[in-house]
Structure formats: C-alpha cells, structure tokens
Amino acid sequence: MARKIVIACKDFEVEAEMLEQERPKTCDAIWEALPLEGEVEIWKEEVYFDIPVKIGPEKPTPTTQTGDVSYWPEGPGFCIFFGKSQPISPVNTFARIKSGIEKFRKVETGDRITVRRA
C-alpha cells in the first residue's frame, strides 16, 4: 500500500499518493520530515513553500502535470502544480493529487499550508 500525505490549506484538505516506485529517496526524505508547515507563495499555477529538506535531483523532470506534487532541489521547495504552468527548473515529482486540485486556485500568497502523514 502506497504512503499518502494530507495537504491542508485555507478551509480544505487534499490527499496525495506518494510515487515511491519512481522517486524513493525523495519520498523517504519528505516522509521523514513530516509534518511540514509554511507560508504559501504563488508562481503562475503553482503553490510552493520552502521546506527544511535537502536532497539532490532524483530523476528530475522539466515538466509536470496538473496534480503533481514535487520537490524543487534549488529551493528547496515543496511544489503543488494545479494548472498548466511548468516549473522554473527541473523538479522531483514525488506524489500526485487525484482529486480536489482545483481548490488550490483560491489559495493566496501568505496563506498557511501544512503537510502531514495520512
């Protein structure tokens, strides 16, 4: 059974399934750092925040899909892609949100966000 995380912001929560087969080191590093909390920044159709996790690129990709949850090694940042925008540089996509991704459209810069184990 795949590990899952819960991302909470404003008045909603969504669940994301970790992609442990694709990026096991990134999944482990994020899992061990949970719970995480931060202040949201918005870039195009992406919500992100700085996290205290330092890991290098692991099969990084320059593109993402709506619902991807990624680690940005250059940040280091926790990124949620809720639209068509793409990362500014390659990311380690380590989880996927299957439902509720549209809720991130109402998130604003400065909102509090938390991530915990499901």
PDB file of N, CA and C in Angstrom:
ATOM      1  N   MET A   1       0.845  -1.190   0.000  1.00  0.00           N
ATOM      2  CA  MET A   1       0.000   0.000   0.000  1.00  0.00           C
ATOM      3  C   MET A   1       0.883   1.243   0.000  1.00  0.00           C
ATOM      4  N   ALA A   2       0.617   2.139  -0.904  1.00  0.00           N
ATOM      5  CA  ALA A   2       1.414   3.354  -1.016  1.00  0.00           C
ATOM      6  C   ALA A   2       1.140   4.304   0.153  1.00  0.00           C
ATOM      7  N   ARG A   3       2.185   4.988   0.562  1.00  0.00           N
ATOM      8  CA  ARG A   3       2.022   6.006   1.606  1.00  0.00           C
ATOM      9  C   ARG A   3       1.286   7.203   1.017  1.00  0.00           C
ATOM     10  N   LYS A   4       0.530   7.890   1.884  1.00  0.00           N
ATOM     11  CA  LYS A   4      -0.211   9.066   1.449  1.00  0.00           C
ATOM     12  C   LYS A   4       0.066  10.220   2.402  1.00  0.00           C
ATOM     13  N   ILE A   5      -0.044  11.420   1.847  1.00  0.00           N
ATOM     14  CA  ILE A   5       0.108  12.630   2.642  1.00  0.00           C
ATOM     15  C   ILE A   5      -1.159  13.463   2.516  1.00  0.00           C
ATOM     16  N   VAL A   6      -1.418  14.288   3.526  1.00  0.00           N
ATOM     17  CA  VAL A   6      -2.554  15.196   3.510  1.00  0.00           C
ATOM     18  C   VAL A   6      -2.000  16.618   3.466  1.00  0.00           C
ATOM     19  N   ILE A   7      -2.472  17.385   2.505  1.00  0.00           N
ATOM     20  CA  ILE A   7      -2.074  18.787   2.359  1.00  0.00           C
ATOM     21  C   ILE A   7      -3.279  19.630   2.742  1.00  0.00           C
ATOM     22  N   ALA A   8      -3.097  20.504   3.745  1.00  0.00           N
ATOM     23  CA  ALA A   8      -4.195  21.340   4.235  1.00  0.00           C
ATOM     24  C   ALA A   8      -3.842  22.807   4.058  1.00  0.00           C
ATOM     25  N   CYS A   9      -4.820  23.569   3.537  1.00  0.00           N
ATOM     26  CA  CYS A   9      -4.627  24.999   3.323  1.00  0.00           C
ATOM     27  C   CYS A   9      -5.999  25.664   3.306  1.00  0.00           C
ATOM     28  N   LYS A  10      -6.081  26.842   3.874  1.00  0.00           N
ATOM     29  CA  LYS A  10      -7.358  27.556   3.972  1.00  0.00           C
ATOM     30  C   LYS A  10      -8.390  26.668   4.652  1.00  0.00           C
ATOM     31  N   ASP A  11      -9.486  26.379   3.969  1.00  0.00           N
ATOM     32  CA  ASP A  11     -10.556  25.584   4.568  1.00  0.00           C
ATOM     33  C   ASP A  11     -10.706  24.219   3.895  1.00  0.00           C
ATOM     34  N   PHE A  12      -9.616  23.687   3.355  1.00  0.00           N
ATOM     35  CA  PHE A  12      -9.717  22.392   2.677  1.00  0.00           C
ATOM     36  C   PHE A  12      -8.484  21.530   2.926  1.00  0.00           C
ATOM     37  N   GLU A  13      -8.658  20.248   2.644  1.00  0.00           N
ATOM     38  CA  GLU A  13      -7.570  19.280   2.682  1.00  0.00           C
ATOM     39  C   GLU A  13      -7.675  18.407   1.439  1.00  0.00           C
ATOM     40  N   VAL A  14      -6.518  18.006   0.913  1.00  0.00           N
ATOM     41  CA  VAL A  14      -6.486  17.037  -0.189  1.00  0.00           C
ATOM     42  C   VAL A  14      -5.469  15.956   0.170  1.00  0.00           C
ATOM     43  N   GLU A  15      -5.652  14.811  -0.434  1.00  0.00           N
ATOM     44  CA  GLU A  15      -4.736  13.698  -0.197  1.00  0.00           C
ATOM     45  C   GLU A  15      -3.907  13.474  -1.450  1.00  0.00           C
ATOM     46  N   ALA A  16      -2.630  13.146  -1.250  1.00  0.00           N
ATOM     47  CA  ALA A  16      -1.737  12.840  -2.367  1.00  0.00           C
ATOM     48  C   ALA A  16      -1.075  11.497  -2.106  1.00  0.00           C
ATOM     49  N   GLU A  17      -1.000  10.690  -3.133  1.00  0.00           N
ATOM     50  CA  GLU A  17      -0.349   9.391  -3.029  1.00  0.00           C
ATOM     51  C   GLU A  17       1.108   9.528  -3.446  1.00  0.00           C
ATOM     52  N   MET A  18       1.998   8.993  -2.622  1.00  0.00           N
ATOM     53  CA  MET A  18       3.435   9.090  -2.916  1.00  0.00           C
ATOM     54  C   MET A  18       3.820   8.131  -4.042  1.00  0.00           C
ATOM     55  N   LEU A  19       4.730   8.580  -4.887  1.00  0.00           N
ATOM     56  CA  LEU A  19       5.189   7.808  -6.045  1.00  0.00           C
ATOM     57  C   LEU A  19       6.515   7.130  -5.687  1.00  0.00           C
ATOM     58  N   GLU A  20       6.433   6.175  -4.783  1.00  0.00           N
ATOM     59  CA  GLU A  20       7.628   5.557  -4.213  1.00  0.00           C
ATOM     60  C   GLU A  20       8.438   4.733  -5.209  1.00  0.00           C
ATOM     61  N   GLN A  21       7.772   4.200  -6.220  1.00  0.00           N
ATOM     62  CA  GLN A  21       8.492   3.423  -7.241  1.00  0.00           C
ATOM     63  C   GLN A  21       9.341   4.337  -8.117  1.00  0.00           C
ATOM     64  N   GLU A  22       8.873   5.551  -8.335  1.00  0.00           N
ATOM     65  CA  GLU A  22       9.554   6.476  -9.243  1.00  0.00           C
ATOM     66  C   GLU A  22      10.683   7.253  -8.576  1.00  0.00           C
ATOM     67  N   ARG A  23      10.442   7.725  -7.331  1.00  0.00           N
ATOM     68  CA  ARG A  23      11.439   8.551  -6.639  1.00  0.00           C
ATOM     69  C   ARG A  23      11.502   8.188  -5.157  1.00  0.00           C
ATOM     70  N   PRO A  24      12.035   6.995  -4.852  1.00  0.00           N
ATOM     71  CA  PRO A  24      12.040   6.511  -3.474  1.00  0.00           C
ATOM     72  C   PRO A  24      12.826   7.385  -2.499  1.00  0.00           C
ATOM     73  N   LYS A  25      13.963   7.934  -2.913  1.00  0.00           N
ATOM     74  CA  LYS A  25      14.766   8.758  -1.997  1.00  0.00           C
ATOM     75  C   LYS A  25      14.031  10.049  -1.637  1.00  0.00           C
ATOM     76  N   THR A  26      13.398  10.666  -2.625  1.00  0.00           N
ATOM     77  CA  THR A  26      12.646  11.890  -2.372  1.00  0.00           C
ATOM     78  C   THR A  26      11.465  11.594  -1.458  1.00  0.00           C
ATOM     79  N   CYS A  27      10.740  10.514  -1.743  1.00  0.00           N
ATOM     80  CA  CYS A  27       9.595  10.128  -0.900  1.00  0.00           C
ATOM     81  C   CYS A  27      10.037   9.909   0.537  1.00  0.00           C
ATOM     82  N   ASP A  28      11.131   9.179   0.740  1.00  0.00           N
ATOM     83  CA  ASP A  28      11.616   8.915   2.098  1.00  0.00           C
ATOM     84  C   ASP A  28      12.014  10.194   2.816  1.00  0.00           C
ATOM     85  N   ALA A  29      12.720  11.082   2.132  1.00  0.00           N
ATOM     86  CA  ALA A  29      13.175  12.328   2.759  1.00  0.00           C
ATOM     87  C   ALA A  29      11.988  13.199   3.175  1.00  0.00           C
ATOM     88  N   ILE A  30      10.997  13.317   2.317  1.00  0.00           N
ATOM     89  CA  ILE A  30       9.805  14.115   2.641  1.00  0.00           C
ATOM     90  C   ILE A  30       9.048  13.450   3.793  1.00  0.00           C
ATOM     91  N   TRP A  31       8.840  12.147   3.707  1.00  0.00           N
ATOM     92  CA  TRP A  31       8.095  11.406   4.732  1.00  0.00           C
ATOM     93  C   TRP A  31       8.734  11.598   6.111  1.00  0.00           C
ATOM     94  N   GLU A  32      10.057  11.499   6.171  1.00  0.00           N
ATOM     95  CA  GLU A  32      10.766  11.636   7.447  1.00  0.00           C
ATOM     96  C   GLU A  32      10.682  13.057   8.000  1.00  0.00           C
ATOM     97  N   ALA A  33      10.513  14.043   7.135  1.00  0.00           N
ATOM     98  CA  ALA A  33      10.450  15.445   7.564  1.00  0.00           C
ATOM     99  C   ALA A  33       9.052  15.865   8.035  1.00  0.00           C
ATOM    100  N   LEU A  34       8.040  15.044   7.754  1.00  0.00           N
ATOM    101  CA  LEU A  34       6.662  15.410   8.111  1.00  0.00           C
ATOM    102  C   LEU A  34       6.461  15.433   9.616  1.00  0.00           C
ATOM    103  N   PRO A  35       5.608  16.322  10.122  1.00  0.00           N
ATOM    104  CA  PRO A  35       4.778  17.294   9.390  1.00  0.00           C
ATOM    105  C   PRO A  35       5.591  18.526   8.981  1.00  0.00           C
ATOM    106  N   LEU A  36       5.156  19.148   7.885  1.00  0.00           N
ATOM    107  CA  LEU A  36       5.764  20.374   7.367  1.00  0.00           C
ATOM    108  C   LEU A  36       4.732  21.488   7.418  1.00  0.00           C
ATOM    109  N   GLU A  37       5.212  22.695   7.579  1.00  0.00           N
ATOM    110  CA  GLU A  37       4.325  23.854   7.610  1.00  0.00           C
ATOM    111  C   GLU A  37       5.044  25.021   6.966  1.00  0.00           C
ATOM    112  N   GLY A  38       4.292  25.878   6.302  1.00  0.00           N
ATOM    113  CA  GLY A  38       4.923  27.020   5.661  1.00  0.00           C
ATOM    114  C   GLY A  38       3.934  28.079   5.245  1.00  0.00           C
ATOM    115  N   GLU A  39       4.499  29.093   4.614  1.00  0.00           N
ATOM    116  CA  GLU A  39       3.718  30.198   4.093  1.00  0.00           C
ATOM    117  C   GLU A  39       3.749  30.106   2.575  1.00  0.00           C
ATOM    118  N   VAL A  40       2.581  30.071   1.976  1.00  0.00           N
ATOM    119  CA  VAL A  40       2.443  29.868   0.538  1.00  0.00           C
ATOM    120  C   VAL A  40       2.994  31.029  -0.284  1.00  0.00           C
ATOM    121  N   GLU A  41       3.641  30.651  -1.365  1.00  0.00           N
ATOM    122  CA  GLU A  41       3.995  31.569  -2.450  1.00  0.00           C
ATOM    123  C   GLU A  41       3.275  31.025  -3.681  1.00  0.00           C
ATOM    124  N   ILE A  42       2.904  31.920  -4.580  1.00  0.00           N
ATOM    125  CA  ILE A  42       2.235  31.518  -5.818  1.00  0.00           C
ATOM    126  C   ILE A  42       3.132  31.909  -6.991  1.00  0.00           C
ATOM    127  N   TRP A  43       3.311  30.978  -7.909  1.00  0.00           N
ATOM    128  CA  TRP A  43       4.015  31.271  -9.153  1.00  0.00           C
ATOM    129  C   TRP A  43       3.192  30.664 -10.268  1.00  0.00           C
ATOM    130  N   LYS A  44       2.579  31.551 -11.068  1.00  0.00           N
ATOM    131  CA  LYS A  44       1.676  31.113 -12.145  1.00  0.00           C
ATOM    132  C   LYS A  44       0.601  30.196 -11.570  1.00  0.00           C
ATOM    133  N   GLU A  45       0.551  28.914 -11.993  1.00  0.00           N
ATOM    134  CA  GLU A  45      -0.442  27.961 -11.468  1.00  0.00           C
ATOM    135  C   GLU A  45       0.263  26.905 -10.611  1.00  0.00           C
ATOM    136  N   GLU A  46       1.046  27.424  -9.671  1.00  0.00           N
ATOM    137  CA  GLU A  46       1.816  26.576  -8.757  1.00  0.00           C
ATOM    138  C   GLU A  46       1.801  27.206  -7.377  1.00  0.00           C
ATOM    139  N   VAL A  47       1.573  26.377  -6.369  1.00  0.00           N
ATOM    140  CA  VAL A  47       1.680  26.780  -4.969  1.00  0.00           C
ATOM    141  C   VAL A  47       2.984  26.164  -4.482  1.00  0.00           C
ATOM    142  N   TYR A  48       3.807  26.950  -3.802  1.00  0.00           N
ATOM    143  CA  TYR A  48       5.025  26.366  -3.261  1.00  0.00           C
ATOM    144  C   TYR A  48       5.396  27.035  -1.945  1.00  0.00           C
ATOM    145  N   PHE A  49       6.232  26.344  -1.178  1.00  0.00           N
ATOM    146  CA  PHE A  49       6.769  26.914   0.050  1.00  0.00           C
ATOM    147  C   PHE A  49       8.099  26.234   0.361  1.00  0.00           C
ATOM    148  N   ASP A  50       8.951  26.961   1.073  1.00  0.00           N
ATOM    149  CA  ASP A  50      10.264  26.438   1.442  1.00  0.00           C
ATOM    150  C   ASP A  50      10.123  25.366   2.510  1.00  0.00           C
ATOM    151  N   ILE A  51      10.956  24.338   2.395  1.00  0.00           N
ATOM    152  CA  ILE A  51      10.958  23.277   3.402  1.00  0.00           C
ATOM    153  C   ILE A  51      12.401  22.975   3.820  1.00  0.00           C
ATOM    154  N   PRO A  52      12.590  22.466   5.035  1.00  0.00           N
ATOM    155  CA  PRO A  52      13.936  22.169   5.530  1.00  0.00           C
ATOM    156  C   PRO A  52      14.419  20.774   5.131  1.00  0.00           C
ATOM    157  N   VAL A  53      14.320  20.450   3.863  1.00  0.00           N
ATOM    158  CA  VAL A  53      14.742  19.145   3.354  1.00  0.00           C
ATOM    159  C   VAL A  53      15.773  19.397   2.270  1.00  0.00           C
ATOM    160  N   LYS A  54      16.922  18.743   2.392  1.00  0.00           N
ATOM    161  CA  LYS A  54      17.986  18.916   1.404  1.00  0.00           C
ATOM    162  C   LYS A  54      18.306  17.575   0.766  1.00  0.00           C
ATOM    163  N   ILE A  55      17.872  17.414  -0.475  1.00  0.00           N
ATOM    164  CA  ILE A  55      18.238  16.238  -1.252  1.00  0.00           C
ATOM    165  C   ILE A  55      18.501  16.688  -2.678  1.00  0.00           C
ATOM    166  N   GLY A  56      19.290  15.936  -3.377  1.00  0.00           N
ATOM    167  CA  GLY A  56      19.624  16.308  -4.740  1.00  0.00           C
ATOM    168  C   GLY A  56      18.572  15.860  -5.732  1.00  0.00           C
ATOM    169  N   PRO A  57      18.812  16.137  -6.994  1.00  0.00           N
ATOM    170  CA  PRO A  57      17.891  15.709  -8.036  1.00  0.00           C
ATOM    171  C   PRO A  57      17.784  14.172  -8.055  1.00  0.00           C
ATOM    172  N   GLU A  58      16.557  13.687  -8.256  1.00  0.00           N
ATOM    173  CA  GLU A  58      16.304  12.252  -8.391  1.00  0.00           C
ATOM    174  C   GLU A  58      15.352  12.083  -9.574  1.00  0.00           C
ATOM    175  N   LYS A  59      15.914  11.692 -10.700  1.00  0.00           N
ATOM    176  CA  LYS A  59      15.142  11.609 -11.942  1.00  0.00           C
ATOM    177  C   LYS A  59      14.325  12.891 -12.135  1.00  0.00           C
ATOM    178  N   PRO A  60      14.990  14.065 -12.108  1.00  0.00           N
ATOM    179  CA  PRO A  60      14.255  15.332 -12.222  1.00  0.00           C
ATOM    180  C   PRO A  60      13.648  15.505 -13.611  1.00  0.00           C
ATOM    181  N   THR A  61      12.503  16.171 -13.655  1.00  0.00           N
ATOM    182  CA  THR A  61      11.844  16.431 -14.925  1.00  0.00           C
ATOM    183  C   THR A  61      11.567  17.929 -15.058  1.00  0.00           C
ATOM    184  N   PRO A  62      11.678  18.456 -16.279  1.00  0.00           N
ATOM    185  CA  PRO A  62      11.410  19.870 -16.513  1.00  0.00           C
ATOM    186  C   PRO A  62       9.922  20.164 -16.702  1.00  0.00           C
ATOM    187  N   THR A  63       9.089  19.111 -16.757  1.00  0.00           N
ATOM    188  CA  THR A  63       7.654  19.308 -16.959  1.00  0.00           C
ATOM    189  C   THR A  63       6.867  18.580 -15.870  1.00  0.00           C
ATOM    190  N   THR A  64       5.646  19.074 -15.638  1.00  0.00           N
ATOM    191  CA  THR A  64       4.759  18.460 -14.649  1.00  0.00           C
ATOM    192  C   THR A  64       3.354  18.394 -15.234  1.00  0.00           C
ATOM    193  N   GLN A  65       2.485  17.663 -14.511  1.00  0.00           N
ATOM    194  CA  GLN A  65       1.075  17.585 -14.873  1.00  0.00           C
ATOM    195  C   GLN A  65       0.262  18.203 -13.746  1.00  0.00           C
ATOM    196  N   THR A  66      -0.950  18.616 -14.059  1.00  0.00           N
ATOM    197  CA  THR A  66      -1.857  19.102 -13.030  1.00  0.00           C
ATOM    198  C   THR A  66      -2.036  18.014 -11.979  1.00  0.00           C
ATOM    199  N   GLY A  67      -1.851  18.377 -10.709  1.00  0.00           N
ATOM    200  CA  GLY A  67      -1.966  17.417  -9.613  1.00  0.00           C
ATOM    201  C   GLY A  67      -0.637  16.891  -9.119  1.00  0.00           C
ATOM    202  N   ASP A  68       0.450  17.215  -9.818  1.00  0.00           N
ATOM    203  CA  ASP A  68       1.767  16.762  -9.371  1.00  0.00           C
ATOM    204  C   ASP A  68       2.199  17.511  -8.117  1.00  0.00           C
ATOM    205  N   VAL A  69       2.817  16.770  -7.201  1.00  0.00           N
ATOM    206  CA  VAL A  69       3.432  17.343  -6.012  1.00  0.00           C
ATOM    207  C   VAL A  69       4.923  17.049  -6.161  1.00  0.00           C
ATOM    208  N   SER A  70       5.727  18.100  -6.142  1.00  0.00           N
ATOM    209  CA  SER A  70       7.140  17.946  -6.464  1.00  0.00           C
ATOM    210  C   SER A  70       8.043  18.611  -5.442  1.00  0.00           C
ATOM    211  N   TYR A  71       9.282  18.123  -5.406  1.00  0.00           N
ATOM    212  CA  TYR A  71      10.333  18.729  -4.598  1.00  0.00           C
ATOM    213  C   TYR A  71      11.233  19.495  -5.563  1.00  0.00           C
ATOM    214  N   TRP A  72      11.499  20.745  -5.230  1.00  0.00           N
ATOM    215  CA  TRP A  72      12.364  21.589  -6.063  1.00  0.00           C
ATOM    216  C   TRP A  72      13.725  21.677  -5.374  1.00  0.00           C
ATOM    217  N   PRO A  73      14.736  20.937  -5.889  1.00  0.00           N
ATOM    218  CA  PRO A  73      16.046  20.915  -5.237  1.00  0.00           C
ATOM    219  C   PRO A  73      16.695  22.290  -5.075  1.00  0.00           C
ATOM    220  N   GLU A  74      16.453  23.193  -6.002  1.00  0.00           N
ATOM    221  CA  GLU A  74      17.086  24.516  -5.935  1.00  0.00           C
ATOM    222  C   GLU A  74      16.515  25.398  -4.832  1.00  0.00           C
ATOM    223  N   GLY A  75      15.312  25.074  -4.349  1.00  0.00           N
ATOM    224  CA  GLY A  75      14.652  25.907  -3.336  1.00  0.00           C
ATOM    225  C   GLY A  75      15.338  25.922  -1.977  1.00  0.00           C
ATOM    226  N   PRO A  76      15.296  24.869  -1.237  1.00  0.00           N
ATOM    227  CA  PRO A  76      14.476  23.699  -1.544  1.00  0.00           C
ATOM    228  C   PRO A  76      13.001  23.983  -1.283  1.00  0.00           C
ATOM    229  N   GLY A  77      12.154  23.496  -2.165  1.00  0.00           N
ATOM    230  CA  GLY A  77      10.746  23.817  -2.046  1.00  0.00           C
ATOM    231  C   GLY A  77       9.825  22.635  -2.264  1.00  0.00           C
ATOM    232  N   PHE A  78       8.628  22.760  -1.691  1.00  0.00           N
ATOM    233  CA  PHE A  78       7.525  21.808  -1.838  1.00  0.00           C
ATOM    234  C   PHE A  78       6.555  22.470  -2.802  1.00  0.00           C
ATOM    235  N   CYS A  79       6.293  21.843  -3.937  1.00  0.00           N
ATOM    236  CA  CYS A  79       5.515  22.476  -5.005  1.00  0.00           C
ATOM    237  C   CYS A  79       4.273  21.657  -5.343  1.00  0.00           C
ATOM    238  N   ILE A  80       3.174  22.373  -5.562  1.00  0.00           N
ATOM    239  CA  ILE A  80       1.917  21.746  -5.968  1.00  0.00           C
ATOM    240  C   ILE A  80       1.484  22.409  -7.271  1.00  0.00           C
ATOM    241  N   PHE A  81       1.393  21.624  -8.325  1.00  0.00           N
ATOM    242  CA  PHE A  81       1.033  22.158  -9.636  1.00  0.00           C
ATOM    243  C   PHE A  81      -0.462  21.953  -9.870  1.00  0.00           C
ATOM    244  N   PHE A  82      -1.215  23.064  -9.923  1.00  0.00           N
ATOM    245  CA  PHE A  82      -2.676  22.968 -10.033  1.00  0.00           C
ATOM    246  C   PHE A  82      -3.206  23.445 -11.372  1.00  0.00           C
ATOM    247  N   GLY A  83      -2.318  23.713 -12.329  1.00  0.00           N
ATOM    248  CA  GLY A  83      -2.755  24.160 -13.647  1.00  0.00           C
ATOM    249  C   GLY A  83      -1.753  23.764 -14.709  1.00  0.00           C
ATOM    250  N   LYS A  84      -1.653  24.597 -15.731  1.00  0.00           N
ATOM    251  CA  LYS A  84      -0.800  24.280 -16.870  1.00  0.00           C
ATOM    252  C   LYS A  84       0.630  24.782 -16.739  1.00  0.00           C
ATOM    253  N   SER A  85       0.931  25.609 -15.737  1.00  0.00           N
ATOM    254  CA  SER A  85       2.283  26.153 -15.642  1.00  0.00           C
ATOM    255  C   SER A  85       3.304  25.058 -15.339  1.00  0.00           C
ATOM    256  N   GLN A  86       4.528  25.321 -15.684  1.00  0.00           N
ATOM    257  CA  GLN A  86       5.618  24.371 -15.534  1.00  0.00           C
ATOM    258  C   GLN A  86       6.668  24.935 -14.570  1.00  0.00           C
ATOM    259  N   PRO A  87       7.469  24.047 -13.977  1.00  0.00           N
ATOM    260  CA  PRO A  87       8.488  24.521 -13.041  1.00  0.00           C
ATOM    261  C   PRO A  87       9.549  25.370 -13.736  1.00  0.00           C
ATOM    262  N   ILE A  88      10.145  26.266 -12.960  1.00  0.00           N
ATOM    263  CA  ILE A  88      11.180  27.147 -13.489  1.00  0.00           C
ATOM    264  C   ILE A  88      12.464  26.371 -13.792  1.00  0.00           C
ATOM    265  N   SER A  89      12.667  25.268 -13.084  1.00  0.00           N
ATOM    266  CA  SER A  89      13.787  24.359 -13.335  1.00  0.00           C
ATOM    267  C   SER A  89      13.340  22.958 -12.909  1.00  0.00           C
ATOM    268  N   PRO A  90      14.079  21.913 -13.297  1.00  0.00           N
ATOM    269  CA  PRO A  90      13.632  20.540 -13.043  1.00  0.00           C
ATOM    270  C   PRO A  90      13.307  20.248 -11.572  1.00  0.00           C
ATOM    271  N   VAL A  91      12.288  19.386 -11.394  1.00  0.00           N
ATOM    272  CA  VAL A  91      11.804  19.008 -10.070  1.00  0.00           C
ATOM    273  C   VAL A  91      11.733  17.487  -9.950  1.00  0.00           C
ATOM    274  N   ASN A  92      11.716  17.019  -8.681  1.00  0.00           N
ATOM    275  CA  ASN A  92      11.497  15.602  -8.384  1.00  0.00           C
ATOM    276  C   ASN A  92      10.019  15.447  -8.034  1.00  0.00           C
ATOM    277  N   THR A  93       9.215  14.975  -8.964  1.00  0.00           N
ATOM    278  CA  THR A  93       7.794  14.768  -8.668  1.00  0.00           C
ATOM    279  C   THR A  93       7.669  13.489  -7.851  1.00  0.00           C
ATOM    280  N   PHE A  94       7.148  13.626  -6.613  1.00  0.00           N
ATOM    281  CA  PHE A  94       7.135  12.502  -5.683  1.00  0.00           C
ATOM    282  C   PHE A  94       5.745  12.086  -5.226  1.00  0.00           C
ATOM    283  N   ALA A  95       4.701  12.832  -5.610  1.00  0.00           N
ATOM    284  CA  ALA A  95       3.337  12.468  -5.214  1.00  0.00           C
ATOM    285  C   ALA A  95       2.353  13.044  -6.226  1.00  0.00           C
ATOM    286  N   ARG A  96       1.111  12.539  -6.176  1.00  0.00           N
ATOM    287  CA  ARG A  96       0.082  13.011  -7.106  1.00  0.00           C
ATOM    288  C   ARG A  96      -1.245  13.160  -6.374  1.00  0.00           C
ATOM    289  N   ILE A  97      -1.890  14.298  -6.610  1.00  0.00           N
ATOM    290  CA  ILE A  97      -3.214  14.577  -6.064  1.00  0.00           C
ATOM    291  C   ILE A  97      -4.222  14.155  -7.128  1.00  0.00           C
ATOM    292  N   LYS A  98      -5.128  13.239  -6.771  1.00  0.00           N
ATOM    293  CA  LYS A  98      -6.086  12.725  -7.754  1.00  0.00           C
ATOM    294  C   LYS A  98      -7.411  13.467  -7.741  1.00  0.00           C
ATOM    295  N   SER A  99      -7.750  14.103  -6.610  1.00  0.00           N
ATOM    296  CA  SER A  99      -8.997  14.860  -6.586  1.00  0.00           C
ATOM    297  C   SER A  99      -8.856  16.072  -5.677  1.00  0.00           C
ATOM    298  N   GLY A 100      -9.532  17.146  -6.060  1.00  0.00           N
ATOM    299  CA  GLY A 100      -9.523  18.369  -5.269  1.00  0.00           C
ATOM    300  C   GLY A 100      -8.471  19.387  -5.664  1.00  0.00           C
ATOM    301  N   ILE A 101      -7.705  19.114  -6.711  1.00  0.00           N
ATOM    302  CA  ILE A 101      -6.600  20.011  -7.084  1.00  0.00           C
ATOM    303  C   ILE A 101      -7.103  21.418  -7.412  1.00  0.00           C
ATOM    304  N   GLU A 102      -8.334  21.538  -7.924  1.00  0.00           N
ATOM    305  CA  GLU A 102      -8.868  22.856  -8.291  1.00  0.00           C
ATOM    306  C   GLU A 102      -9.016  23.776  -7.079  1.00  0.00           C
ATOM    307  N   LYS A 103      -9.061  23.215  -5.883  1.00  0.00           N
ATOM    308  CA  LYS A 103      -9.202  24.032  -4.671  1.00  0.00           C
ATOM    309  C   LYS A 103      -8.008  24.969  -4.466  1.00  0.00           C
ATOM    310  N   PHE A 104      -6.868  24.615  -5.033  1.00  0.00           N
ATOM    311  CA  PHE A 104      -5.681  25.455  -4.873  1.00  0.00           C
ATOM    312  C   PHE A 104      -5.798  26.778  -5.638  1.00  0.00           C
ATOM    313  N   ARG A 105      -6.776  26.910  -6.525  1.00  0.00           N
ATOM    314  CA  ARG A 105      -6.973  28.164  -7.262  1.00  0.00           C
ATOM    315  C   ARG A 105      -7.358  29.312  -6.344  1.00  0.00           C
ATOM    316  N   LYS A 106      -7.910  29.012  -5.155  1.00  0.00           N
ATOM    317  CA  LYS A 106      -8.319  30.081  -4.247  1.00  0.00           C
ATOM    318  C   LYS A 106      -7.260  30.407  -3.181  1.00  0.00           C
ATOM    319  N   VAL A 107      -6.130  29.715  -3.247  1.00  0.00           N
ATOM    320  CA  VAL A 107      -5.040  29.961  -2.298  1.00  0.00           C
ATOM    321  C   VAL A 107      -4.312  31.243  -2.693  1.00  0.00           C
ATOM    322  N   GLU A 108      -3.915  32.009  -1.696  1.00  0.00           N
ATOM    323  CA  GLU A 108      -3.228  33.278  -1.937  1.00  0.00           C
ATOM    324  C   GLU A 108      -1.869  33.290  -1.254  1.00  0.00           C
ATOM    325  N   THR A 109      -0.957  34.092  -1.796  1.00  0.00           N
ATOM    326  CA  THR A 109       0.351  34.271  -1.182  1.00  0.00           C
ATOM    327  C   THR A 109       0.176  34.675   0.277  1.00  0.00           C
ATOM    328  N   GLY A 110       0.919  34.021   1.154  1.00  0.00           N
ATOM    329  CA  GLY A 110       0.851  34.317   2.582  1.00  0.00           C
ATOM    330  C   GLY A 110      -0.029  33.375   3.367  1.00  0.00           C
ATOM    331  N   ASP A 111      -0.893  32.590   2.691  1.00  0.00           N
ATOM    332  CA  ASP A 111      -1.726  31.609   3.396  1.00  0.00           C
ATOM    333  C   ASP A 111      -0.826  30.557   4.048  1.00  0.00           C
ATOM    334  N   ARG A 112      -1.281  30.001   5.164  1.00  0.00           N
ATOM    335  CA  ARG A 112      -0.558  28.921   5.839  1.00  0.00           C
ATOM    336  C   ARG A 112      -0.914  27.597   5.180  1.00  0.00           C
ATOM    337  N   ILE A 113       0.085  26.725   5.068  1.00  0.00           N
ATOM    338  CA  ILE A 113      -0.130  25.400   4.491  1.00  0.00           C
ATOM    339  C   ILE A 113       0.570  24.384   5.381  1.00  0.00           C
ATOM    340  N   THR A 114      -0.058  23.224   5.547  1.00  0.00           N
ATOM    341  CA  THR A 114       0.552  22.149   6.322  1.00  0.00           C
ATOM    342  C   THR A 114       0.504  20.845   5.529  1.00  0.00           C
ATOM    343  N   VAL A 115       1.471  19.998   5.784  1.00  0.00           N
ATOM    344  CA  VAL A 115       1.532  18.690   5.146  1.00  0.00           C
ATOM    345  C   VAL A 115       1.818  17.679   6.256  1.00  0.00           C
ATOM    346  N   ARG A 116       1.016  16.617   6.289  1.00  0.00           N
ATOM    347  CA  ARG A 116       1.189  15.595   7.320  1.00  0.00           C
ATOM    348  C   ARG A 116       0.958  14.209   6.706  1.00  0.00           C
ATOM    349  N   ARG A 117       1.319  13.220   7.481  1.00  0.00           N
ATOM    350  CA  ARG A 117       1.077  11.837   7.052  1.00  0.00           C
ATOM    351  C   ARG A 117      -0.431  11.550   7.120  1.00  0.00           C
ATOM    352  N   ALA A 118      -0.929  10.805   6.156  1.00  0.00           N
ATOM    353  CA  ALA A 118      -2.362  10.460   6.142  1.00  0.00           C
ATOM    354  C   ALA A 118      -2.623   9.313   7.106  1.00  0.00           C
TER     355      ALA A 118
END
